[in-house]
Amino acid sequence: MRERIEAGKLFTDYCEGLPEDRINCKKRMIQFNSTMPDDVKARMTALNELLGKKQMRGWNRHFTAAMGLILP
């Protein structure tokens, strides 16, 4: 299923560990959203855990992470 995701094809997210990945992502979003706006170190740590170790140049400290269903 991960090959389909990486190829940009349709997939279902209820197999091959994806439900666990989704739950872990939601936990990280809650962790990020519960940080104080002026606690830049904690927010950057949470963002790095959520998005990976990519550089976050010009990020908005008022960013809010959300996960949900997007319909066309």
C-alpha atoms as a PDB file:
ATOM      1  CA  MET A   1       0.000   0.000   0.000  1.00  0.00           C
ATOM      2  CA  ARG A   2       2.869   2.415   0.735  1.00  0.00           C
ATOM      3  CA  GLU A   3       4.020   1.979  -2.865  1.00  0.00           C
ATOM      4  CA  ARG A   4       0.612   3.209  -4.030  1.00  0.00           C
ATOM      5  CA  ILE A   5       0.864   6.220  -1.732  1.00  0.00           C
ATOM      6  CA  GLU A   6       4.336   7.124  -2.964  1.00  0.00           C
ATOM      7  CA  ALA A   7       3.186   6.708  -6.582  1.00  0.00           C
ATOM      8  CA  GLY A   8       0.244   9.067  -5.996  1.00  0.00           C
ATOM      9  CA  LYS A   9      -2.347   6.360  -6.635  1.00  0.00           C
ATOM     10  CA  LEU A  10      -5.605   5.757  -4.796  1.00  0.00           C
ATOM     11  CA  PHE A  11      -5.299   3.803  -1.564  1.00  0.00           C
ATOM     12  CA  THR A  12      -7.165   2.894   1.581  1.00  0.00           C
ATOM     13  CA  ASP A  13      -5.642   3.912   4.891  1.00  0.00           C
ATOM     14  CA  TYR A  14      -6.978   0.977   6.901  1.00  0.00           C
ATOM     15  CA  CYS A  15      -4.214  -1.537   6.251  1.00  0.00           C
ATOM     16  CA  GLU A  16      -0.481  -2.214   6.632  1.00  0.00           C
ATOM     17  CA  GLY A  17       0.128  -0.160   9.756  1.00  0.00           C
ATOM     18  CA  LEU A  18      -1.497   2.991   8.413  1.00  0.00           C
ATOM     19  CA  PRO A  19      -4.084   3.193  11.230  1.00  0.00           C
ATOM     20  CA  GLU A  20      -1.217   3.207  13.758  1.00  0.00           C
ATOM     21  CA  ASP A  21       0.602   5.877  11.744  1.00  0.00           C
ATOM     22  CA  ARG A  22      -2.563   7.994  11.703  1.00  0.00           C
ATOM     23  CA  ILE A  23      -2.996   7.689  15.479  1.00  0.00           C
ATOM     24  CA  ASN A  24       0.651   8.607  16.089  1.00  0.00           C
ATOM     25  CA  CYS A  25       0.287  11.616  13.797  1.00  0.00           C
ATOM     26  CA  LYS A  26      -2.820  12.786  15.663  1.00  0.00           C
ATOM     27  CA  LYS A  27      -0.947  12.482  18.978  1.00  0.00           C
ATOM     28  CA  ARG A  28       1.888  14.616  17.608  1.00  0.00           C
ATOM     29  CA  MET A  29      -0.572  17.230  16.327  1.00  0.00           C
ATOM     30  CA  ILE A  30      -2.190  17.417  19.777  1.00  0.00           C
ATOM     31  CA  GLN A  31       1.277  17.755  21.327  1.00  0.00           C
ATOM     32  CA  PHE A  32       2.145  20.622  18.967  1.00  0.00           C
ATOM     33  CA  ASN A  33      -1.205  22.386  19.381  1.00  0.00           C
ATOM     34  CA  SER A  34      -0.918  22.247  23.181  1.00  0.00           C
ATOM     35  CA  THR A  35       2.405  24.129  23.264  1.00  0.00           C
ATOM     36  CA  MET A  36       2.449  27.784  24.239  1.00  0.00           C
ATOM     37  CA  PRO A  37       2.968  30.221  21.327  1.00  0.00           C
ATOM     38  CA  ASP A  38       6.086  31.714  22.944  1.00  0.00           C
ATOM     39  CA  ASP A  39       7.691  28.311  23.669  1.00  0.00           C
ATOM     40  CA  VAL A  40       9.543  28.199  20.357  1.00  0.00           C
ATOM     41  CA  LYS A  41      11.857  25.340  21.373  1.00  0.00           C
ATOM     42  CA  ALA A  42       8.959  23.012  22.283  1.00  0.00           C
ATOM     43  CA  ARG A  43       7.034  23.999  19.144  1.00  0.00           C
ATOM     44  CA  MET A  44      10.045  23.334  16.900  1.00  0.00           C
ATOM     45  CA  THR A  45      10.659  19.969  18.579  1.00  0.00           C
ATOM     46  CA  ALA A  46       7.016  18.988  18.066  1.00  0.00           C
ATOM     47  CA  LEU A  47       7.072  20.181  14.441  1.00  0.00           C
ATOM     48  CA  ASN A  48      10.237  18.196  13.736  1.00  0.00           C
ATOM     49  CA  GLU A  49       8.571  15.076  15.152  1.00  0.00           C
ATOM     50  CA  LEU A  50       5.430  15.745  13.109  1.00  0.00           C
ATOM     51  CA  LEU A  51       6.966  16.760   9.791  1.00  0.00           C
ATOM     52  CA  GLY A  52      10.434  15.251   9.934  1.00  0.00           C
ATOM     53  CA  LYS A  53      13.816  16.879  10.168  1.00  0.00           C
ATOM     54  CA  LYS A  54      13.323  19.248   7.227  1.00  0.00           C
ATOM     55  CA  GLN A  55      14.273  22.853   7.837  1.00  0.00           C
ATOM     56  CA  MET A  56      11.348  25.014   8.811  1.00  0.00           C
ATOM     57  CA  ARG A  57      12.362  28.399   7.377  1.00  0.00           C
ATOM     58  CA  GLY A  58       9.789  31.096   7.774  1.00  0.00           C
ATOM     59  CA  TRP A  59       7.303  28.958   9.702  1.00  0.00           C
ATOM     60  CA  ASN A  60       4.375  30.716  11.293  1.00  0.00           C
ATOM     61  CA  ARG A  61       4.364  30.400  15.071  1.00  0.00           C
ATOM     62  CA  HIS A  62       0.550  30.584  14.946  1.00  0.00           C
ATOM     63  CA  PHE A  63       0.379  27.446  12.793  1.00  0.00           C
ATOM     64  CA  THR A  64      -2.232  24.889  13.901  1.00  0.00           C
ATOM     65  CA  ALA A  65      -1.981  21.234  12.898  1.00  0.00           C
ATOM     66  CA  ALA A  66      -5.194  19.487  11.882  1.00  0.00           C
ATOM     67  CA  MET A  67      -6.117  16.170  10.318  1.00  0.00           C
ATOM     68  CA  GLY A  68      -9.388  15.372   8.667  1.00  0.00           C
ATOM     69  CA  LEU A  69     -11.278  14.424   5.565  1.00  0.00           C
ATOM     70  CA  ILE A  70     -10.847  16.652   2.522  1.00  0.00           C
ATOM     71  CA  LEU A  71     -13.585  16.402  -0.068  1.00  0.00           C
ATOM     72  CA  PRO A  72     -13.366  17.864  -3.589  1.00  0.00           C
END
